[in-house]
Amino acid sequence: MMKSLVRLGLMVGLAVATAAPSMAQSLEIGPNGVRVRPEDDRRGPPPPPPGPGFDRRDDFRDGPPPRRREISEREAVRIARSEGMREVDDVYRQRRSIRVEGGDRRGRDMTVIIDSRSGDVIDIR
């Protein structure tokens, strides 16, 4: 009886000893991905942002935000061709859109209107 109690006590002690290190860690999901943080790291201040541009407030300290890149006429033609246009006649750049005019494979007139900032197709006529 005594031997079985000693064995049980050793097994419980071993289980607690192996579980203690895993209890002293936590997972953090953030902009740098998933990482394991030790127990004492959780008590300190949060880590600084990974670099410039991480905090949106930092973007305006040096002046206005940079202009977003707009797609080129060549990219607009590529997008129009992916929508079924075979023959391109004209490309017109307007304020926030690019209009590509041409024909499809059957020779019918076709107009594809594309958002000049995102490259999304707005309309096909």
N, C-alpha and C. Protein backbone atom coordinates (compact mmCIF):
# COMPACT_ATOMS: atom_id res chain seq x y z
N MET A 1 0.82 -1.19 0.00
CA MET A 1 0.00 0.00 0.00
C MET A 1 0.86 1.25 0.00
N MET A 2 1.90 1.24 0.78
CA MET A 2 2.78 2.39 0.89
C MET A 2 3.53 2.63 -0.42
N LYS A 3 3.93 1.52 -1.08
CA LYS A 3 4.64 1.66 -2.35
C LYS A 3 3.73 2.27 -3.41
N SER A 4 2.46 1.88 -3.42
CA SER A 4 1.55 2.44 -4.41
C SER A 4 1.29 3.92 -4.15
N LEU A 5 1.23 4.35 -2.89
CA LEU A 5 1.07 5.78 -2.58
C LEU A 5 2.31 6.57 -3.00
N VAL A 6 3.48 6.02 -2.80
CA VAL A 6 4.72 6.69 -3.21
C VAL A 6 4.76 6.80 -4.73
N ARG A 7 4.39 5.72 -5.43
CA ARG A 7 4.35 5.76 -6.89
C ARG A 7 3.35 6.80 -7.38
N LEU A 8 2.18 6.83 -6.78
CA LEU A 8 1.17 7.81 -7.16
C LEU A 8 1.67 9.23 -6.92
N GLY A 9 2.32 9.45 -5.79
CA GLY A 9 2.87 10.77 -5.48
C GLY A 9 3.95 11.18 -6.47
N LEU A 10 4.80 10.23 -6.86
CA LEU A 10 5.84 10.52 -7.85
C LEU A 10 5.23 10.85 -9.21
N MET A 11 4.19 10.12 -9.59
CA MET A 11 3.54 10.38 -10.87
C MET A 11 2.87 11.76 -10.89
N VAL A 12 2.21 12.11 -9.79
CA VAL A 12 1.57 13.43 -9.70
C VAL A 12 2.63 14.52 -9.72
N GLY A 13 3.71 14.33 -8.99
CA GLY A 13 4.80 15.31 -8.97
C GLY A 13 5.44 15.48 -10.34
N LEU A 14 5.63 14.37 -11.06
CA LEU A 14 6.19 14.43 -12.40
C LEU A 14 5.25 15.15 -13.36
N ALA A 15 3.96 14.88 -13.25
CA ALA A 15 2.98 15.54 -14.12
C ALA A 15 2.95 17.04 -13.86
N VAL A 16 3.00 17.45 -12.60
CA VAL A 16 3.00 18.88 -12.26
C VAL A 16 4.29 19.54 -12.73
N ALA A 17 5.41 18.84 -12.58
CA ALA A 17 6.70 19.41 -12.98
C ALA A 17 6.78 19.62 -14.48
N THR A 18 6.20 18.73 -15.27
CA THR A 18 6.25 18.89 -16.72
C THR A 18 5.21 19.89 -17.21
N ALA A 19 4.13 20.09 -16.48
CA ALA A 19 3.09 21.03 -16.90
C ALA A 19 3.43 22.46 -16.50
N ALA A 20 4.24 22.67 -15.49
CA ALA A 20 4.54 24.02 -15.02
C ALA A 20 5.22 24.88 -16.08
N PRO A 21 6.24 24.39 -16.81
CA PRO A 21 6.84 25.26 -17.82
C PRO A 21 5.86 25.64 -18.93
N SER A 22 4.96 24.73 -19.30
CA SER A 22 4.03 25.07 -20.36
C SER A 22 2.98 26.06 -19.88
N MET A 23 2.71 26.12 -18.61
CA MET A 23 1.75 27.07 -18.07
C MET A 23 2.36 28.47 -17.98
N ALA A 24 3.67 28.57 -18.03
CA ALA A 24 4.33 29.86 -17.87
C ALA A 24 4.52 30.57 -19.20
N GLN A 25 3.82 30.15 -20.24
CA GLN A 25 3.96 30.77 -21.55
C GLN A 25 2.58 31.15 -22.07
N SER A 26 2.59 32.09 -23.00
CA SER A 26 1.34 32.44 -23.66
C SER A 26 1.62 32.68 -25.13
N LEU A 27 0.58 32.63 -25.93
CA LEU A 27 0.70 32.89 -27.36
C LEU A 27 0.25 34.30 -27.64
N GLU A 28 0.95 34.97 -28.54
CA GLU A 28 0.58 36.32 -28.95
C GLU A 28 0.39 36.31 -30.46
N ILE A 29 -0.75 36.79 -30.92
CA ILE A 29 -1.01 36.90 -32.34
C ILE A 29 -1.01 38.39 -32.65
N GLY A 30 -0.06 38.83 -33.46
CA GLY A 30 0.07 40.24 -33.76
C GLY A 30 0.57 40.46 -35.18
N PRO A 31 1.04 41.68 -35.47
CA PRO A 31 1.48 42.00 -36.82
C PRO A 31 2.71 41.21 -37.25
N ASN A 32 3.46 40.68 -36.30
CA ASN A 32 4.64 39.88 -36.64
C ASN A 32 4.31 38.40 -36.73
N GLY A 33 3.08 38.01 -36.60
CA GLY A 33 2.68 36.63 -36.67
C GLY A 33 2.42 36.07 -35.28
N VAL A 34 2.45 34.76 -35.17
CA VAL A 34 2.21 34.07 -33.91
C VAL A 34 3.55 33.82 -33.24
N ARG A 35 3.65 34.15 -31.96
CA ARG A 35 4.89 33.88 -31.23
C ARG A 35 4.56 33.51 -29.80
N VAL A 36 5.50 32.80 -29.16
CA VAL A 36 5.35 32.38 -27.77
C VAL A 36 6.00 33.43 -26.89
N ARG A 37 5.27 33.90 -25.89
CA ARG A 37 5.81 34.89 -24.96
C ARG A 37 5.99 34.24 -23.60
N PRO A 38 7.17 34.35 -22.98
CA PRO A 38 7.38 33.81 -21.64
C PRO A 38 6.53 34.54 -20.61
N GLU A 39 6.42 33.95 -19.42
CA GLU A 39 5.59 34.50 -18.34
C GLU A 39 6.01 35.92 -17.99
N ASP A 40 7.30 36.14 -17.78
CA ASP A 40 7.74 37.46 -17.31
C ASP A 40 7.66 38.50 -18.42
N ASP A 41 7.58 38.09 -19.68
CA ASP A 41 7.44 39.04 -20.78
C ASP A 41 6.05 39.64 -20.82
N ARG A 42 5.04 38.91 -20.31
CA ARG A 42 3.67 39.42 -20.30
C ARG A 42 3.49 40.55 -19.31
N ARG A 43 4.32 40.58 -18.27
CA ARG A 43 4.15 41.59 -17.23
C ARG A 43 4.73 42.94 -17.63
N GLY A 44 5.65 42.95 -18.58
CA GLY A 44 6.30 44.19 -18.99
C GLY A 44 5.45 44.98 -19.96
N PRO A 45 5.98 46.13 -20.40
CA PRO A 45 5.22 46.93 -21.36
C PRO A 45 5.15 46.21 -22.71
N PRO A 46 4.18 46.56 -23.53
CA PRO A 46 4.07 45.90 -24.83
C PRO A 46 5.28 46.25 -25.70
N PRO A 47 5.65 45.36 -26.61
CA PRO A 47 6.80 45.64 -27.46
C PRO A 47 6.52 46.81 -28.40
N PRO A 48 7.55 47.51 -28.83
CA PRO A 48 7.33 48.63 -29.75
C PRO A 48 6.86 48.12 -31.11
N PRO A 49 6.27 48.99 -31.92
CA PRO A 49 5.82 48.57 -33.25
C PRO A 49 7.00 48.09 -34.08
N PRO A 50 6.75 47.22 -35.06
CA PRO A 50 7.84 46.61 -35.80
C PRO A 50 8.64 47.55 -36.68
N GLY A 51 8.13 48.71 -37.02
CA GLY A 51 8.90 49.61 -37.86
C GLY A 51 8.08 50.82 -38.26
N PRO A 52 8.65 51.70 -39.09
CA PRO A 52 7.92 52.90 -39.50
C PRO A 52 6.70 52.52 -40.34
N GLY A 53 5.65 53.31 -40.19
CA GLY A 53 4.44 53.05 -40.93
C GLY A 53 3.49 52.09 -40.25
N PHE A 54 3.91 51.50 -39.11
CA PHE A 54 3.04 50.57 -38.40
C PHE A 54 1.91 51.32 -37.72
N ASP A 55 2.23 52.41 -37.06
CA ASP A 55 1.22 53.21 -36.38
C ASP A 55 0.76 54.29 -37.34
N ARG A 56 -0.53 54.34 -37.64
CA ARG A 56 -1.05 55.29 -38.62
C ARG A 56 -0.80 56.73 -38.19
N ARG A 57 -0.70 56.99 -36.89
CA ARG A 57 -0.46 58.36 -36.44
C ARG A 57 0.92 58.84 -36.82
N ASP A 58 1.88 57.91 -36.95
CA ASP A 58 3.23 58.29 -37.34
C ASP A 58 3.31 58.78 -38.77
N ASP A 59 2.38 58.37 -39.62
CA ASP A 59 2.43 58.74 -41.03
C ASP A 59 2.29 60.24 -41.24
N PHE A 60 1.55 60.92 -40.37
CA PHE A 60 1.27 62.33 -40.60
C PHE A 60 2.25 63.26 -39.89
N ARG A 61 3.22 62.73 -39.16
CA ARG A 61 4.19 63.58 -38.49
C ARG A 61 5.19 64.17 -39.47
N ASP A 62 5.46 63.48 -40.57
CA ASP A 62 6.42 63.94 -41.56
C ASP A 62 5.77 64.66 -42.72
N GLY A 63 4.49 64.91 -42.69
CA GLY A 63 3.79 65.56 -43.78
C GLY A 63 2.58 64.74 -44.18
N PRO A 64 1.99 65.08 -45.31
CA PRO A 64 0.79 64.35 -45.75
C PRO A 64 1.16 62.92 -46.14
N PRO A 65 0.18 62.04 -46.11
CA PRO A 65 0.47 60.65 -46.49
C PRO A 65 0.87 60.58 -47.96
N PRO A 66 1.66 59.58 -48.33
CA PRO A 66 2.06 59.47 -49.73
C PRO A 66 0.87 59.16 -50.61
N ARG A 67 0.94 59.64 -51.85
CA ARG A 67 -0.15 59.38 -52.79
C ARG A 67 -0.20 57.92 -53.16
N ARG A 68 -1.39 57.44 -53.31
CA ARG A 68 -1.55 56.04 -53.71
C ARG A 68 -1.20 55.91 -55.18
N ARG A 69 -0.58 54.80 -55.53
CA ARG A 69 -0.20 54.55 -56.91
C ARG A 69 -1.43 54.22 -57.74
N GLU A 70 -1.51 54.83 -58.90
CA GLU A 70 -2.61 54.53 -59.81
C GLU A 70 -2.12 53.56 -60.86
N ILE A 71 -3.05 52.79 -61.42
CA ILE A 71 -2.66 51.83 -62.44
C ILE A 71 -2.38 52.57 -63.75
N SER A 72 -1.54 52.00 -64.58
CA SER A 72 -1.19 52.62 -65.87
C SER A 72 -2.19 52.19 -66.93
N GLU A 73 -2.09 52.85 -68.10
CA GLU A 73 -2.97 52.49 -69.21
C GLU A 73 -2.68 51.05 -69.66
N ARG A 74 -1.43 50.65 -69.60
CA ARG A 74 -1.06 49.29 -69.99
C ARG A 74 -1.72 48.26 -69.06
N GLU A 75 -1.72 48.55 -67.76
CA GLU A 75 -2.38 47.65 -66.83
C GLU A 75 -3.89 47.63 -67.05
N ALA A 76 -4.46 48.79 -67.41
CA ALA A 76 -5.90 48.85 -67.69
C ALA A 76 -6.25 48.01 -68.90
N VAL A 77 -5.40 48.04 -69.94
CA VAL A 77 -5.64 47.22 -71.13
C VAL A 77 -5.56 45.74 -70.76
N ARG A 78 -4.60 45.36 -69.91
CA ARG A 78 -4.48 43.97 -69.48
C ARG A 78 -5.74 43.53 -68.74
N ILE A 79 -6.27 44.40 -67.87
CA ILE A 79 -7.49 44.07 -67.13
C ILE A 79 -8.68 43.94 -68.08
N ALA A 80 -8.76 44.86 -69.07
CA ALA A 80 -9.87 44.79 -70.04
C ALA A 80 -9.79 43.51 -70.87
N ARG A 81 -8.58 43.12 -71.23
CA ARG A 81 -8.43 41.86 -71.99
C ARG A 81 -8.85 40.65 -71.16
N SER A 82 -8.60 40.72 -69.85
CA SER A 82 -9.02 39.60 -69.00
C SER A 82 -10.54 39.53 -68.88
N GLU A 83 -11.23 40.63 -69.21
CA GLU A 83 -12.70 40.65 -69.17
C GLU A 83 -13.32 40.27 -70.51
N GLY A 84 -12.49 39.92 -71.51
CA GLY A 84 -13.03 39.45 -72.78
C GLY A 84 -12.78 40.36 -73.95
N MET A 85 -12.11 41.48 -73.76
CA MET A 85 -11.83 42.38 -74.86
C MET A 85 -10.65 41.82 -75.67
N ARG A 86 -10.82 41.74 -76.99
CA ARG A 86 -9.76 41.22 -77.85
C ARG A 86 -9.03 42.34 -78.59
N GLU A 87 -9.76 43.35 -79.02
CA GLU A 87 -9.19 44.42 -79.82
C GLU A 87 -9.39 45.75 -79.08
N VAL A 88 -8.30 46.45 -78.79
CA VAL A 88 -8.38 47.71 -78.05
C VAL A 88 -8.30 48.86 -79.04
N ASP A 89 -9.29 49.79 -78.99
CA ASP A 89 -9.29 50.95 -79.87
C ASP A 89 -8.71 52.18 -79.16
N ASP A 90 -9.24 52.52 -77.99
CA ASP A 90 -8.80 53.72 -77.27
C ASP A 90 -8.80 53.48 -75.77
N VAL A 91 -7.95 54.25 -75.10
CA VAL A 91 -7.90 54.24 -73.63
C VAL A 91 -8.02 55.69 -73.18
N TYR A 92 -9.02 55.98 -72.35
CA TYR A 92 -9.25 57.33 -71.83
C TYR A 92 -9.07 57.31 -70.32
N ARG A 93 -8.25 58.21 -69.83
CA ARG A 93 -8.09 58.36 -68.38
C ARG A 93 -8.99 59.50 -67.94
N GLN A 94 -9.86 59.20 -66.99
CA GLN A 94 -10.72 60.23 -66.41
C GLN A 94 -10.27 60.46 -64.99
N ARG A 95 -11.06 61.13 -64.19
CA ARG A 95 -10.65 61.47 -62.83
C ARG A 95 -10.23 60.27 -62.01
N ARG A 96 -11.16 59.40 -61.71
CA ARG A 96 -10.87 58.23 -60.87
C ARG A 96 -11.09 56.93 -61.62
N SER A 97 -11.22 57.00 -62.93
CA SER A 97 -11.45 55.78 -63.69
C SER A 97 -10.71 55.84 -65.02
N ILE A 98 -10.55 54.67 -65.60
CA ILE A 98 -9.95 54.54 -66.92
C ILE A 98 -10.96 53.80 -67.78
N ARG A 99 -11.22 54.36 -68.97
CA ARG A 99 -12.21 53.77 -69.88
C ARG A 99 -11.44 53.16 -71.06
N VAL A 100 -11.62 51.86 -71.26
CA VAL A 100 -10.98 51.15 -72.36
C VAL A 100 -12.06 50.75 -73.35
N GLU A 101 -11.93 51.21 -74.60
CA GLU A 101 -12.91 50.91 -75.63
C GLU A 101 -12.29 49.99 -76.66
N GLY A 102 -13.07 49.05 -77.15
CA GLY A 102 -12.59 48.11 -78.14
C GLY A 102 -13.69 47.15 -78.54
N GLY A 103 -13.28 45.94 -78.93
CA GLY A 103 -14.26 44.95 -79.36
C GLY A 103 -13.95 43.58 -78.77
N ASP A 104 -14.99 42.75 -78.72
CA ASP A 104 -14.80 41.39 -78.21
C ASP A 104 -14.45 40.46 -79.37
N ARG A 105 -14.42 39.16 -79.13
CA ARG A 105 -13.98 38.22 -80.16
C ARG A 105 -14.96 38.09 -81.31
N ARG A 106 -16.21 38.52 -81.11
CA ARG A 106 -17.21 38.48 -82.17
C ARG A 106 -17.30 39.79 -82.95
N GLY A 107 -16.47 40.78 -82.55
CA GLY A 107 -16.46 42.05 -83.25
C GLY A 107 -17.43 43.08 -82.71
N ARG A 108 -18.13 42.75 -81.63
CA ARG A 108 -19.07 43.70 -81.04
C ARG A 108 -18.31 44.74 -80.23
N ASP A 109 -18.82 45.98 -80.22
CA ASP A 109 -18.20 47.05 -79.44
C ASP A 109 -18.31 46.74 -77.96
N MET A 110 -17.26 47.12 -77.25
CA MET A 110 -17.19 46.81 -75.82
C MET A 110 -16.47 47.95 -75.12
N THR A 111 -16.96 48.34 -73.94
CA THR A 111 -16.32 49.36 -73.12
C THR A 111 -16.15 48.81 -71.71
N VAL A 112 -14.93 48.89 -71.19
CA VAL A 112 -14.65 48.45 -69.83
C VAL A 112 -14.19 49.66 -69.04
N ILE A 113 -14.86 49.94 -67.92
CA ILE A 113 -14.51 51.06 -67.05
C ILE A 113 -13.86 50.48 -65.80
N ILE A 114 -12.65 51.00 -65.49
CA ILE A 114 -11.82 50.44 -64.43
C ILE A 114 -11.48 51.54 -63.43
N ASP A 115 -11.54 51.23 -62.15
CA ASP A 115 -11.12 52.17 -61.10
C ASP A 115 -9.61 52.36 -61.23
N SER A 116 -9.16 53.62 -61.34
CA SER A 116 -7.75 53.88 -61.61
C SER A 116 -6.85 53.65 -60.40
N ARG A 117 -7.41 53.60 -59.20
CA ARG A 117 -6.59 53.37 -58.01
C ARG A 117 -6.48 51.90 -57.64
N SER A 118 -7.60 51.20 -57.64
CA SER A 118 -7.57 49.81 -57.19
C SER A 118 -7.45 48.81 -58.34
N GLY A 119 -7.85 49.20 -59.56
CA GLY A 119 -7.82 48.27 -60.68
C GLY A 119 -9.07 47.42 -60.76
N ASP A 120 -10.08 47.71 -59.94
CA ASP A 120 -11.33 46.96 -59.98
C ASP A 120 -12.16 47.37 -61.19
N VAL A 121 -12.85 46.41 -61.78
CA VAL A 121 -13.73 46.70 -62.92
C VAL A 121 -15.03 47.29 -62.38
N ILE A 122 -15.35 48.49 -62.84
CA ILE A 122 -16.57 49.18 -62.39
C ILE A 122 -17.76 48.76 -63.24
N ASP A 123 -17.55 48.76 -64.58
CA ASP A 123 -18.67 48.47 -65.48
C ASP A 123 -18.13 47.90 -66.79
N ILE A 124 -18.95 47.04 -67.40
CA ILE A 124 -18.66 46.51 -68.74
C ILE A 124 -19.88 46.75 -69.58
N ARG A 125 -19.69 47.43 -70.71
CA ARG A 125 -20.83 47.74 -71.59
C ARG A 125 -20.56 47.17 -72.98
